[in-house]
Amino acid sequence: MTSFDARPAGNGLTRRTMIKTSAVLIGSCALGFTGVASLGCSADNNGGGASSGESDQVTLHVDGQRFFINGDAAGTAFSGAALSLVPNLADGTIALCYGENPDSCCTKLAPLGSPIIVTGALRMLNVDGVNSDGIVSIKPDAAIGVLSLGSIKTADIEGSVDHLIVVGKSDAIAHDGARIGQATLGDSCADLVINANSTVGDVDTPFEAQVSGEGSGAARV
């Protein structure tokens, strides 16, 4: 059964504030969300030759301090607590950035708009501006400490998220079986849809109308 307590978030959490907050939490310069060209790192071609104009679903699995793309057996080691999916403005692709220094590495995944499937466990995942026509899907076996979403079309959540942050023109859907400890909706364009068989804790939101679904009647503002 869905249970949550929606309450106003003051003046709201703006996208810029979310970015700064995320950077403070993680201490990683890879959270700038302004595109790979602005991060001081370059996307390589480990994404399977992705090119703009084509859409290709990508599976991202995280186990400990390694991530695995599309079933890659070896995986890639990363430092720090966060992974960031950001737009590579140079060629219209999605880049996965990792590392905790100014020289964070980035791996090209797929063209912008490609669906991203996430499994495994990680402390923080930041997704911003990478799939205006696609979907980020957090699968049932995924466990994420902080999931930050900015300017994406939809995030389907079936797994566990301790703290969900949604800003910009983004929608998050808590599907049956989803477990969200706390949700923060940063501005009037961010929406959260809660299915009846999901579990959602406190919801901080500028407007109660941003929270909808079978359990929305339990909201208290």
N, C-alpha and C. Protein backbone atom coordinates (compact mmCIF):
# COMPACT_ATOMS: atom_id res chain seq x y z
N MET A 1 0.85 -1.19 0.00
CA MET A 1 0.00 0.00 0.00
C MET A 1 0.88 1.24 0.00
N THR A 2 0.48 2.21 -0.77
CA THR A 2 1.25 3.44 -0.85
C THR A 2 1.05 4.26 0.41
N SER A 3 2.14 4.80 0.95
CA SER A 3 2.01 5.70 2.09
C SER A 3 3.04 6.79 1.94
N PHE A 4 2.58 8.04 2.03
CA PHE A 4 3.53 9.13 1.95
C PHE A 4 2.91 10.37 2.57
N ASP A 5 3.77 11.28 2.93
CA ASP A 5 3.35 12.52 3.57
C ASP A 5 3.91 13.66 2.73
N ALA A 6 3.09 14.23 1.88
CA ALA A 6 3.56 15.33 1.03
C ALA A 6 3.52 16.63 1.81
N ARG A 7 4.57 17.41 1.70
CA ARG A 7 4.59 18.68 2.40
C ARG A 7 5.32 19.70 1.54
N PRO A 8 4.98 20.97 1.65
CA PRO A 8 5.61 21.96 0.80
C PRO A 8 7.10 22.07 1.09
N ALA A 9 7.86 22.30 0.03
CA ALA A 9 9.31 22.38 0.16
C ALA A 9 9.78 23.83 0.14
N GLY A 10 9.09 24.70 0.84
CA GLY A 10 9.50 26.09 0.89
C GLY A 10 9.43 26.73 -0.47
N ASN A 11 10.53 27.33 -0.91
CA ASN A 11 10.59 27.94 -2.23
C ASN A 11 10.90 26.92 -3.33
N GLY A 12 11.04 25.68 -2.93
CA GLY A 12 11.31 24.65 -3.93
C GLY A 12 12.80 24.49 -4.17
N LEU A 13 13.19 23.31 -4.61
CA LEU A 13 14.57 23.02 -4.93
C LEU A 13 14.76 23.20 -6.42
N THR A 14 15.53 24.20 -6.81
CA THR A 14 15.74 24.46 -8.23
C THR A 14 16.75 23.48 -8.79
N ARG A 15 16.81 23.43 -10.12
CA ARG A 15 17.77 22.54 -10.77
C ARG A 15 19.20 22.94 -10.41
N ARG A 16 19.47 24.23 -10.36
CA ARG A 16 20.82 24.69 -10.02
C ARG A 16 21.17 24.30 -8.59
N THR A 17 20.19 24.44 -7.67
CA THR A 17 20.44 24.06 -6.28
C THR A 17 20.70 22.57 -6.17
N MET A 18 19.93 21.77 -6.92
CA MET A 18 20.13 20.33 -6.89
C MET A 18 21.53 19.96 -7.33
N ILE A 19 22.01 20.62 -8.38
CA ILE A 19 23.34 20.33 -8.88
C ILE A 19 24.39 20.66 -7.82
N LYS A 20 24.26 21.82 -7.18
CA LYS A 20 25.22 22.21 -6.15
C LYS A 20 25.15 21.26 -4.97
N THR A 21 23.93 20.88 -4.56
CA THR A 21 23.76 19.97 -3.44
C THR A 21 24.39 18.62 -3.74
N SER A 22 24.17 18.12 -4.94
CA SER A 22 24.75 16.84 -5.33
C SER A 22 26.26 16.90 -5.30
N ALA A 23 26.81 17.98 -5.80
CA ALA A 23 28.27 18.12 -5.83
C ALA A 23 28.84 18.14 -4.43
N VAL A 24 28.16 18.79 -3.49
CA VAL A 24 28.63 18.83 -2.11
C VAL A 24 28.55 17.45 -1.48
N LEU A 25 27.44 16.73 -1.75
CA LEU A 25 27.27 15.41 -1.17
C LEU A 25 28.36 14.45 -1.62
N ILE A 26 28.72 14.52 -2.88
CA ILE A 26 29.62 13.54 -3.45
C ILE A 26 31.05 14.06 -3.57
N GLY A 27 31.22 15.37 -3.75
CA GLY A 27 32.55 15.92 -3.93
C GLY A 27 33.14 15.57 -5.28
N SER A 28 32.28 15.40 -6.28
CA SER A 28 32.76 15.03 -7.60
C SER A 28 32.44 16.12 -8.60
N CYS A 29 33.42 16.51 -9.40
CA CYS A 29 33.16 17.54 -10.40
C CYS A 29 32.41 16.98 -11.58
N ALA A 30 32.14 15.69 -11.60
CA ALA A 30 31.41 15.09 -12.72
C ALA A 30 29.92 15.34 -12.63
N LEU A 31 29.50 16.17 -11.67
CA LEU A 31 28.07 16.40 -11.48
C LEU A 31 27.63 17.75 -11.99
N GLY A 32 28.38 18.31 -12.91
CA GLY A 32 28.05 19.64 -13.40
C GLY A 32 26.84 19.66 -14.30
N PHE A 33 26.49 18.56 -14.93
CA PHE A 33 25.31 18.43 -15.77
C PHE A 33 25.30 19.42 -16.92
N THR A 34 26.44 19.90 -17.36
CA THR A 34 26.45 20.86 -18.45
C THR A 34 26.99 20.24 -19.73
N GLY A 35 27.19 18.94 -19.71
CA GLY A 35 27.68 18.27 -20.90
C GLY A 35 29.14 17.91 -20.77
N VAL A 36 29.53 16.84 -21.45
CA VAL A 36 30.89 16.36 -21.34
C VAL A 36 31.90 17.42 -21.75
N ALA A 37 31.55 18.23 -22.73
CA ALA A 37 32.49 19.23 -23.21
C ALA A 37 32.87 20.23 -22.12
N SER A 38 32.04 20.36 -21.09
CA SER A 38 32.32 21.31 -20.03
C SER A 38 32.92 20.65 -18.80
N LEU A 39 33.13 19.33 -18.84
CA LEU A 39 33.57 18.62 -17.64
C LEU A 39 35.06 18.39 -17.59
N GLY A 40 35.76 18.68 -18.66
CA GLY A 40 37.18 18.43 -18.66
C GLY A 40 37.50 16.96 -18.89
N CYS A 41 36.54 16.18 -19.35
CA CYS A 41 36.79 14.79 -19.68
C CYS A 41 36.22 14.52 -21.05
N SER A 42 36.75 13.51 -21.72
CA SER A 42 36.28 13.24 -23.07
C SER A 42 35.65 11.87 -23.13
N ALA A 43 34.57 11.74 -23.91
CA ALA A 43 33.90 10.46 -24.05
C ALA A 43 34.69 9.58 -25.00
N ASP A 44 34.88 8.30 -24.59
CA ASP A 44 35.55 7.38 -25.49
C ASP A 44 34.51 6.61 -26.29
N ASN A 45 34.93 5.54 -26.93
CA ASN A 45 34.04 4.80 -27.79
C ASN A 45 33.65 3.46 -27.21
N ASN A 46 33.66 3.32 -25.88
CA ASN A 46 33.31 2.05 -25.27
C ASN A 46 31.83 1.75 -25.35
N GLY A 47 31.03 2.65 -25.85
CA GLY A 47 29.60 2.45 -25.91
C GLY A 47 29.15 1.68 -27.13
N GLY A 48 30.05 1.05 -27.83
CA GLY A 48 29.66 0.22 -28.95
C GLY A 48 29.44 1.00 -30.23
N GLY A 49 30.18 2.08 -30.40
CA GLY A 49 30.06 2.83 -31.65
C GLY A 49 28.78 3.60 -31.76
N ALA A 50 28.27 4.14 -30.65
CA ALA A 50 27.03 4.90 -30.68
C ALA A 50 27.19 6.13 -31.54
N SER A 51 26.15 6.46 -32.28
CA SER A 51 26.19 7.66 -33.10
C SER A 51 24.86 8.36 -33.02
N SER A 52 24.86 9.68 -33.20
CA SER A 52 23.62 10.43 -33.10
C SER A 52 22.68 10.03 -34.22
N GLY A 53 21.37 10.17 -33.95
CA GLY A 53 20.38 9.85 -34.95
C GLY A 53 19.83 8.44 -34.81
N GLU A 54 20.45 7.60 -33.97
CA GLU A 54 19.97 6.26 -33.74
C GLU A 54 19.75 6.08 -32.24
N SER A 55 18.76 5.23 -31.90
CA SER A 55 18.48 4.96 -30.50
C SER A 55 18.84 3.53 -30.18
N ASP A 56 19.47 3.32 -29.03
CA ASP A 56 19.94 1.99 -28.67
C ASP A 56 19.82 1.82 -27.16
N GLN A 57 19.04 0.84 -26.73
CA GLN A 57 18.86 0.60 -25.30
C GLN A 57 20.18 0.17 -24.67
N VAL A 58 20.45 0.70 -23.47
CA VAL A 58 21.68 0.39 -22.75
C VAL A 58 21.34 -0.15 -21.37
N THR A 59 22.00 -1.23 -20.97
CA THR A 59 21.86 -1.76 -19.62
C THR A 59 23.11 -1.40 -18.82
N LEU A 60 22.90 -0.76 -17.69
CA LEU A 60 23.98 -0.36 -16.80
C LEU A 60 23.82 -1.12 -15.48
N HIS A 61 24.78 -1.98 -15.17
CA HIS A 61 24.75 -2.74 -13.92
C HIS A 61 25.93 -2.31 -13.06
N VAL A 62 25.67 -2.09 -11.76
CA VAL A 62 26.72 -1.66 -10.84
C VAL A 62 26.86 -2.69 -9.73
N ASP A 63 28.09 -3.11 -9.48
CA ASP A 63 28.38 -4.08 -8.42
C ASP A 63 29.64 -3.61 -7.71
N GLY A 64 29.48 -3.11 -6.48
CA GLY A 64 30.62 -2.57 -5.77
C GLY A 64 31.15 -1.34 -6.47
N GLN A 65 32.44 -1.31 -6.73
CA GLN A 65 33.07 -0.17 -7.41
C GLN A 65 33.37 -0.49 -8.87
N ARG A 66 32.51 -1.28 -9.49
CA ARG A 66 32.63 -1.58 -10.91
C ARG A 66 31.27 -1.44 -11.57
N PHE A 67 31.27 -0.94 -12.80
CA PHE A 67 30.03 -0.92 -13.56
C PHE A 67 30.20 -1.76 -14.83
N PHE A 68 29.09 -2.30 -15.29
CA PHE A 68 29.09 -3.20 -16.43
C PHE A 68 28.06 -2.69 -17.43
N ILE A 69 28.46 -2.52 -18.67
CA ILE A 69 27.59 -1.97 -19.71
C ILE A 69 27.22 -3.09 -20.68
N ASN A 70 25.92 -3.29 -20.83
CA ASN A 70 25.40 -4.30 -21.77
C ASN A 70 26.04 -5.67 -21.58
N GLY A 71 26.15 -6.08 -20.30
CA GLY A 71 26.64 -7.42 -20.01
C GLY A 71 28.13 -7.62 -20.15
N ASP A 72 28.89 -6.53 -20.22
CA ASP A 72 30.35 -6.63 -20.30
C ASP A 72 30.88 -7.47 -19.14
N ALA A 73 31.64 -8.51 -19.43
CA ALA A 73 32.09 -9.44 -18.40
C ALA A 73 33.13 -8.83 -17.47
N ALA A 74 34.02 -8.01 -18.00
CA ALA A 74 35.12 -7.46 -17.19
C ALA A 74 34.67 -6.29 -16.33
N GLY A 75 33.82 -5.44 -16.86
CA GLY A 75 33.40 -4.26 -16.12
C GLY A 75 34.48 -3.20 -16.08
N THR A 76 34.15 -2.06 -15.49
CA THR A 76 35.08 -0.94 -15.38
C THR A 76 35.09 -0.44 -13.94
N ALA A 77 36.27 -0.35 -13.34
CA ALA A 77 36.39 0.15 -11.98
C ALA A 77 36.21 1.67 -11.96
N PHE A 78 35.58 2.17 -10.90
CA PHE A 78 35.43 3.62 -10.75
C PHE A 78 35.66 4.00 -9.31
N SER A 79 36.07 5.25 -9.10
CA SER A 79 36.28 5.77 -7.75
C SER A 79 35.14 6.71 -7.40
N GLY A 80 35.08 7.07 -6.13
CA GLY A 80 34.02 7.97 -5.70
C GLY A 80 32.72 7.23 -5.47
N ALA A 81 31.67 8.01 -5.17
CA ALA A 81 30.40 7.42 -4.79
C ALA A 81 29.35 7.50 -5.87
N ALA A 82 29.59 8.28 -6.92
CA ALA A 82 28.51 8.58 -7.87
C ALA A 82 28.88 8.22 -9.29
N LEU A 83 27.84 7.91 -10.05
CA LEU A 83 27.92 7.82 -11.50
C LEU A 83 26.97 8.87 -12.06
N SER A 84 27.34 9.48 -13.18
CA SER A 84 26.52 10.53 -13.77
C SER A 84 26.29 10.26 -15.24
N LEU A 85 25.03 10.27 -15.65
CA LEU A 85 24.67 10.19 -17.05
C LEU A 85 24.43 11.61 -17.54
N VAL A 86 25.25 12.06 -18.48
CA VAL A 86 25.18 13.45 -18.93
C VAL A 86 25.20 13.49 -20.45
N PRO A 87 24.69 14.58 -21.04
CA PRO A 87 24.74 14.69 -22.50
C PRO A 87 26.13 15.05 -22.99
N ASN A 88 26.60 14.34 -23.99
CA ASN A 88 27.84 14.70 -24.67
C ASN A 88 27.45 15.66 -25.79
N LEU A 89 27.58 16.94 -25.54
CA LEU A 89 27.09 17.95 -26.47
C LEU A 89 27.84 17.94 -27.80
N ALA A 90 29.03 17.40 -27.81
CA ALA A 90 29.84 17.42 -29.02
C ALA A 90 29.26 16.56 -30.14
N ASP A 91 28.66 15.41 -29.78
CA ASP A 91 28.17 14.52 -30.83
C ASP A 91 26.77 13.98 -30.58
N GLY A 92 26.05 14.55 -29.61
CA GLY A 92 24.67 14.15 -29.39
C GLY A 92 24.50 12.77 -28.82
N THR A 93 25.40 12.37 -27.92
CA THR A 93 25.30 11.06 -27.30
C THR A 93 25.21 11.19 -25.78
N ILE A 94 24.92 10.08 -25.13
CA ILE A 94 24.91 10.01 -23.67
C ILE A 94 26.28 9.54 -23.21
N ALA A 95 26.82 10.21 -22.20
CA ALA A 95 28.09 9.79 -21.62
C ALA A 95 27.89 9.39 -20.16
N LEU A 96 28.56 8.33 -19.74
CA LEU A 96 28.59 7.93 -18.34
C LEU A 96 29.91 8.43 -17.76
N CYS A 97 29.82 9.36 -16.79
CA CYS A 97 31.02 9.93 -16.17
C CYS A 97 31.22 9.36 -14.79
N TYR A 98 32.47 9.12 -14.44
CA TYR A 98 32.79 8.50 -13.16
C TYR A 98 34.15 9.00 -12.69
N GLY A 99 34.39 8.88 -11.41
CA GLY A 99 35.63 9.39 -10.84
C GLY A 99 35.36 10.57 -9.94
N GLU A 100 36.32 10.93 -9.14
CA GLU A 100 36.11 11.99 -8.15
C GLU A 100 37.11 13.13 -8.28
N ASN A 101 37.84 13.22 -9.39
CA ASN A 101 38.74 14.36 -9.60
C ASN A 101 38.31 15.20 -10.78
N PRO A 102 38.96 16.32 -10.98
CA PRO A 102 38.65 17.15 -12.14
C PRO A 102 38.87 16.42 -13.46
N ASP A 103 39.67 15.35 -13.43
CA ASP A 103 39.93 14.59 -14.65
C ASP A 103 39.06 13.34 -14.73
N SER A 104 37.84 13.43 -14.23
CA SER A 104 36.93 12.28 -14.27
C SER A 104 36.81 11.73 -15.68
N CYS A 105 36.74 10.42 -15.77
CA CYS A 105 36.62 9.77 -17.07
C CYS A 105 35.17 9.67 -17.50
N CYS A 106 34.96 9.62 -18.80
CA CYS A 106 33.61 9.47 -19.34
C CYS A 106 33.62 8.42 -20.43
N THR A 107 32.55 7.64 -20.48
CA THR A 107 32.40 6.60 -21.48
C THR A 107 31.15 6.86 -22.30
N LYS A 108 31.29 6.87 -23.59
CA LYS A 108 30.14 7.07 -24.47
C LYS A 108 29.24 5.84 -24.43
N LEU A 109 27.93 6.05 -24.25
CA LEU A 109 27.00 4.93 -24.15
C LEU A 109 26.15 4.74 -25.39
N ALA A 110 25.40 5.78 -25.77
CA ALA A 110 24.41 5.64 -26.84
C ALA A 110 23.94 7.03 -27.25
N PRO A 111 23.21 7.14 -28.34
CA PRO A 111 22.67 8.43 -28.75
C PRO A 111 21.69 8.99 -27.72
N LEU A 112 21.58 10.30 -27.65
CA LEU A 112 20.59 10.93 -26.79
C LEU A 112 19.21 10.38 -27.11
N GLY A 113 18.41 10.16 -26.07
CA GLY A 113 17.08 9.61 -26.25
C GLY A 113 17.01 8.11 -26.10
N SER A 114 18.16 7.45 -25.96
CA SER A 114 18.16 5.99 -25.81
C SER A 114 17.71 5.59 -24.41
N PRO A 115 16.92 4.52 -24.28
CA PRO A 115 16.51 4.05 -22.95
C PRO A 115 17.72 3.54 -22.17
N ILE A 116 17.76 3.84 -20.87
CA ILE A 116 18.82 3.39 -19.99
C ILE A 116 18.21 2.50 -18.91
N ILE A 117 18.67 1.25 -18.83
CA ILE A 117 18.18 0.27 -17.86
C ILE A 117 19.23 0.14 -16.76
N VAL A 118 18.82 0.33 -15.49
CA VAL A 118 19.77 0.34 -14.38
C VAL A 118 19.47 -0.82 -13.43
N THR A 119 20.51 -1.59 -13.12
CA THR A 119 20.40 -2.68 -12.14
C THR A 119 21.59 -2.60 -11.19
N GLY A 120 21.53 -3.35 -10.09
CA GLY A 120 22.63 -3.38 -9.14
C GLY A 120 22.47 -2.35 -8.04
N ALA A 121 23.56 -2.10 -7.32
CA ALA A 121 23.53 -1.20 -6.17
C ALA A 121 24.60 -0.12 -6.30
N LEU A 122 24.22 1.13 -6.00
CA LEU A 122 25.20 2.22 -6.00
C LEU A 122 24.71 3.33 -5.08
N ARG A 123 25.66 4.14 -4.63
CA ARG A 123 25.33 5.18 -3.66
C ARG A 123 24.62 6.36 -4.29
N MET A 124 24.99 6.73 -5.52
CA MET A 124 24.35 7.88 -6.14
C MET A 124 24.39 7.78 -7.65
N LEU A 125 23.24 8.08 -8.28
CA LEU A 125 23.16 8.14 -9.73
C LEU A 125 22.51 9.46 -10.11
N ASN A 126 23.21 10.22 -10.96
CA ASN A 126 22.71 11.51 -11.43
C ASN A 126 22.39 11.38 -12.92
N VAL A 127 21.20 11.80 -13.29
CA VAL A 127 20.77 11.72 -14.68
C VAL A 127 20.19 13.07 -15.07
N ASP A 128 20.75 13.69 -16.11
CA ASP A 128 20.25 15.02 -16.46
C ASP A 128 20.37 15.26 -17.96
N GLY A 129 19.24 15.57 -18.59
CA GLY A 129 19.25 16.05 -19.96
C GLY A 129 19.69 15.04 -21.00
N VAL A 130 19.61 13.74 -20.70
CA VAL A 130 20.19 12.76 -21.62
C VAL A 130 19.16 12.02 -22.47
N ASN A 131 17.89 12.07 -22.11
CA ASN A 131 16.93 11.25 -22.86
C ASN A 131 15.55 11.89 -22.88
N SER A 132 15.45 13.04 -23.50
CA SER A 132 14.17 13.74 -23.53
C SER A 132 13.09 12.92 -24.22
N ASP A 133 13.50 11.96 -25.06
CA ASP A 133 12.53 11.11 -25.73
C ASP A 133 12.55 9.68 -25.21
N GLY A 134 13.36 9.41 -24.21
CA GLY A 134 13.52 8.05 -23.73
C GLY A 134 13.14 7.90 -22.27
N ILE A 135 13.53 6.77 -21.69
CA ILE A 135 13.14 6.44 -20.32
C ILE A 135 14.34 5.88 -19.58
N VAL A 136 14.51 6.31 -18.33
CA VAL A 136 15.44 5.66 -17.42
C VAL A 136 14.63 4.68 -16.59
N SER A 137 15.05 3.43 -16.56
CA SER A 137 14.30 2.39 -15.86
C SER A 137 15.16 1.82 -14.73
N ILE A 138 14.69 2.00 -13.48
CA ILE A 138 15.37 1.46 -12.31
C ILE A 138 14.71 0.13 -11.98
N LYS A 139 15.40 -0.96 -12.26
CA LYS A 139 14.81 -2.29 -12.17
C LYS A 139 14.62 -2.76 -10.72
N PRO A 140 13.79 -3.80 -10.50
CA PRO A 140 13.49 -4.25 -9.13
C PRO A 140 14.71 -4.63 -8.31
N ASP A 141 15.79 -5.11 -8.94
CA ASP A 141 16.96 -5.50 -8.16
C ASP A 141 17.91 -4.34 -7.92
N ALA A 142 17.55 -3.14 -8.34
CA ALA A 142 18.42 -1.97 -8.15
C ALA A 142 18.19 -1.36 -6.77
N ALA A 143 19.28 -0.95 -6.13
CA ALA A 143 19.23 -0.25 -4.85
C ALA A 143 20.13 0.97 -4.95
N ILE A 144 19.53 2.17 -4.89
CA ILE A 144 20.26 3.42 -5.10
C ILE A 144 20.09 4.31 -3.87
N GLY A 145 21.18 4.85 -3.36
CA GLY A 145 21.10 5.74 -2.22
C GLY A 145 20.42 7.05 -2.59
N VAL A 146 20.97 7.77 -3.57
CA VAL A 146 20.40 9.02 -4.05
C VAL A 146 20.25 8.93 -5.56
N LEU A 147 19.03 9.19 -6.05
CA LEU A 147 18.76 9.24 -7.48
C LEU A 147 18.31 10.65 -7.83
N SER A 148 19.14 11.38 -8.58
CA SER A 148 18.84 12.76 -8.96
C SER A 148 18.47 12.80 -10.44
N LEU A 149 17.31 13.38 -10.73
CA LEU A 149 16.80 13.43 -12.10
C LEU A 149 16.57 14.88 -12.50
N GLY A 150 17.06 15.28 -13.65
CA GLY A 150 16.84 16.62 -14.13
C GLY A 150 16.62 16.63 -15.63
N SER A 151 15.51 17.19 -16.06
CA SER A 151 15.21 17.38 -17.48
C SER A 151 15.33 16.08 -18.28
N ILE A 152 14.64 15.06 -17.82
CA ILE A 152 14.47 13.84 -18.60
C ILE A 152 12.98 13.61 -18.74
N LYS A 153 12.58 12.76 -19.66
CA LYS A 153 11.15 12.56 -19.87
C LYS A 153 10.52 11.78 -18.74
N THR A 154 11.00 10.56 -18.49
CA THR A 154 10.40 9.70 -17.48
C THR A 154 11.44 8.81 -16.84
N ALA A 155 11.32 8.59 -15.53
CA ALA A 155 12.09 7.57 -14.84
C ALA A 155 11.11 6.57 -14.26
N ASP A 156 11.20 5.32 -14.69
CA ASP A 156 10.38 4.25 -14.14
C ASP A 156 11.15 3.60 -13.00
N ILE A 157 10.58 3.64 -11.80
CA ILE A 157 11.27 3.10 -10.62
C ILE A 157 10.54 1.87 -10.13
N GLU A 158 11.23 0.73 -10.16
CA GLU A 158 10.69 -0.51 -9.62
C GLU A 158 11.51 -1.00 -8.43
N GLY A 159 12.70 -0.46 -8.26
CA GLY A 159 13.60 -0.91 -7.21
C GLY A 159 13.54 -0.03 -5.99
N SER A 160 14.66 0.07 -5.28
CA SER A 160 14.74 0.80 -4.02
C SER A 160 15.59 2.06 -4.18
N VAL A 161 15.05 3.18 -3.72
CA VAL A 161 15.76 4.47 -3.75
C VAL A 161 15.59 5.13 -2.38
N ASP A 162 16.69 5.42 -1.71
CA ASP A 162 16.60 6.08 -0.40
C ASP A 162 16.09 7.51 -0.53
N HIS A 163 16.67 8.26 -1.47
CA HIS A 163 16.28 9.67 -1.65
C HIS A 163 16.16 9.95 -3.14
N LEU A 164 14.97 10.29 -3.58
CA LEU A 164 14.70 10.64 -4.97
C LEU A 164 14.59 12.15 -5.09
N ILE A 165 15.37 12.75 -6.01
CA ILE A 165 15.33 14.18 -6.26
C ILE A 165 14.92 14.39 -7.71
N VAL A 166 13.84 15.14 -7.93
CA VAL A 166 13.35 15.36 -9.28
C VAL A 166 13.20 16.86 -9.52
N VAL A 167 13.84 17.37 -10.55
CA VAL A 167 13.72 18.79 -10.90
C VAL A 167 13.59 18.91 -12.41
N GLY A 168 13.24 20.11 -12.85
CA GLY A 168 13.09 20.34 -14.28
C GLY A 168 11.88 19.61 -14.84
N LYS A 169 11.83 19.50 -16.14
CA LYS A 169 10.69 18.85 -16.80
C LYS A 169 10.89 17.35 -16.78
N SER A 170 10.74 16.78 -15.58
CA SER A 170 10.98 15.35 -15.39
C SER A 170 9.80 14.72 -14.67
N ASP A 171 9.52 13.47 -15.01
CA ASP A 171 8.50 12.68 -14.32
C ASP A 171 9.16 11.45 -13.74
N ALA A 172 8.77 11.09 -12.51
CA ALA A 172 9.20 9.85 -11.90
C ALA A 172 7.95 9.03 -11.56
N ILE A 173 7.99 7.75 -11.87
CA ILE A 173 6.86 6.87 -11.61
C ILE A 173 7.32 5.76 -10.68
N ALA A 174 6.68 5.67 -9.50
CA ALA A 174 6.95 4.58 -8.56
C ALA A 174 6.00 3.44 -8.89
N HIS A 175 6.53 2.42 -9.54
CA HIS A 175 5.71 1.28 -9.96
C HIS A 175 5.50 0.31 -8.81
N ASP A 176 4.64 -0.69 -9.03
CA ASP A 176 4.39 -1.69 -8.01
C ASP A 176 5.71 -2.30 -7.54
N GLY A 177 5.88 -2.33 -6.22
CA GLY A 177 7.08 -2.89 -5.64
C GLY A 177 8.18 -1.89 -5.39
N ALA A 178 8.05 -0.66 -5.89
CA ALA A 178 9.08 0.36 -5.67
C ALA A 178 9.12 0.76 -4.20
N ARG A 179 10.31 1.09 -3.72
CA ARG A 179 10.49 1.52 -2.34
C ARG A 179 11.31 2.81 -2.35
N ILE A 180 10.69 3.92 -2.01
CA ILE A 180 11.35 5.23 -2.01
C ILE A 180 11.26 5.80 -0.59
N GLY A 181 12.40 6.05 0.02
CA GLY A 181 12.40 6.54 1.39
C GLY A 181 11.96 7.99 1.49
N GLN A 182 12.48 8.84 0.63
CA GLN A 182 12.15 10.27 0.63
C GLN A 182 12.19 10.78 -0.80
N ALA A 183 11.24 11.64 -1.14
CA ALA A 183 11.20 12.23 -2.48
C ALA A 183 11.17 13.74 -2.36
N THR A 184 12.01 14.42 -3.14
CA THR A 184 12.05 15.88 -3.18
C THR A 184 11.77 16.32 -4.61
N LEU A 185 10.69 17.07 -4.79
CA LEU A 185 10.34 17.62 -6.10
C LEU A 185 10.75 19.08 -6.10
N GLY A 186 11.67 19.42 -6.99
CA GLY A 186 12.32 20.71 -6.88
C GLY A 186 11.58 21.90 -7.44
N ASP A 187 10.70 21.70 -8.43
CA ASP A 187 10.00 22.84 -9.00
C ASP A 187 8.68 22.36 -9.58
N SER A 188 7.91 23.29 -10.11
CA SER A 188 6.54 22.99 -10.54
C SER A 188 6.47 22.08 -11.76
N CYS A 189 7.59 21.88 -12.46
CA CYS A 189 7.59 21.00 -13.64
C CYS A 189 7.91 19.56 -13.29
N ALA A 190 8.33 19.29 -12.07
CA ALA A 190 8.69 17.94 -11.65
C ALA A 190 7.45 17.24 -11.09
N ASP A 191 7.22 16.01 -11.53
CA ASP A 191 6.03 15.27 -11.09
C ASP A 191 6.41 13.87 -10.61
N LEU A 192 5.60 13.36 -9.67
CA LEU A 192 5.79 12.02 -9.13
C LEU A 192 4.47 11.29 -9.17
N VAL A 193 4.44 10.13 -9.82
CA VAL A 193 3.25 9.28 -9.89
C VAL A 193 3.52 8.06 -9.02
N ILE A 194 2.60 7.78 -8.09
CA ILE A 194 2.80 6.71 -7.12
C ILE A 194 1.74 5.63 -7.30
N ASN A 195 2.17 4.42 -7.63
CA ASN A 195 1.24 3.30 -7.74
C ASN A 195 0.91 2.73 -6.36
N ALA A 196 -0.23 2.09 -6.27
CA ALA A 196 -0.76 1.67 -4.97
C ALA A 196 0.15 0.69 -4.24
N ASN A 197 0.85 -0.16 -4.94
CA ASN A 197 1.66 -1.19 -4.29
C ASN A 197 3.11 -0.79 -4.15
N SER A 198 3.38 0.50 -4.22
CA SER A 198 4.72 1.00 -3.94
C SER A 198 4.74 1.60 -2.54
N THR A 199 5.95 1.84 -2.03
CA THR A 199 6.11 2.44 -0.70
C THR A 199 6.93 3.70 -0.83
N VAL A 200 6.33 4.83 -0.46
CA VAL A 200 7.01 6.13 -0.54
C VAL A 200 6.89 6.82 0.80
N GLY A 201 8.01 7.31 1.32
CA GLY A 201 7.99 8.02 2.59
C GLY A 201 7.61 9.47 2.40
N ASP A 202 8.30 10.39 3.08
CA ASP A 202 7.99 11.81 2.98
C ASP A 202 8.22 12.32 1.56
N VAL A 203 7.32 13.22 1.14
CA VAL A 203 7.45 13.88 -0.17
C VAL A 203 7.48 15.38 0.06
N ASP A 204 8.59 16.02 -0.28
CA ASP A 204 8.70 17.47 -0.21
C ASP A 204 8.42 18.03 -1.60
N THR A 205 7.41 18.89 -1.71
CA THR A 205 7.02 19.38 -3.03
C THR A 205 6.44 20.78 -2.93
N PRO A 206 6.70 21.65 -3.91
CA PRO A 206 6.09 22.98 -3.88
C PRO A 206 4.58 22.95 -3.97
N PHE A 207 4.03 21.97 -4.72
CA PHE A 207 2.58 21.91 -4.92
C PHE A 207 2.09 20.48 -4.78
N GLU A 208 1.01 20.29 -4.03
CA GLU A 208 0.48 18.95 -3.82
C GLU A 208 0.07 18.30 -5.14
N ALA A 209 -0.37 19.12 -6.10
CA ALA A 209 -0.86 18.58 -7.36
C ALA A 209 0.24 17.87 -8.16
N GLN A 210 1.49 18.08 -7.79
CA GLN A 210 2.58 17.40 -8.49
C GLN A 210 2.64 15.91 -8.17
N VAL A 211 1.99 15.50 -7.08
CA VAL A 211 1.98 14.10 -6.67
C VAL A 211 0.64 13.50 -7.05
N SER A 212 0.66 12.42 -7.83
CA SER A 212 -0.57 11.80 -8.27
C SER A 212 -0.45 10.29 -8.19
N GLY A 213 -1.55 9.60 -8.45
CA GLY A 213 -1.55 8.16 -8.42
C GLY A 213 -2.59 7.63 -7.47
N GLU A 214 -2.63 6.31 -7.34
CA GLU A 214 -3.66 5.67 -6.54
C GLU A 214 -3.55 6.01 -5.07
N GLY A 215 -2.38 6.39 -4.61
CA GLY A 215 -2.23 6.67 -3.19
C GLY A 215 -2.18 8.15 -2.86
N SER A 216 -2.42 9.02 -3.85
CA SER A 216 -2.22 10.44 -3.63
C SER A 216 -3.19 11.04 -2.62
N GLY A 217 -4.29 10.36 -2.33
CA GLY A 217 -5.26 10.89 -1.38
C GLY A 217 -4.72 10.98 0.02
N ALA A 218 -3.61 10.27 0.31
CA ALA A 218 -3.03 10.29 1.64
C ALA A 218 -2.11 11.49 1.87
N ALA A 219 -1.98 12.32 0.86
CA ALA A 219 -1.05 13.45 0.98
C ALA A 219 -1.55 14.47 2.01
N ARG A 220 -0.61 15.00 2.77
CA ARG A 220 -0.93 16.06 3.72
C ARG A 220 0.01 17.23 3.42
N VAL A 221 -0.58 18.40 3.15
CA VAL A 221 0.23 19.57 2.80
C VAL A 221 0.00 20.64 3.85
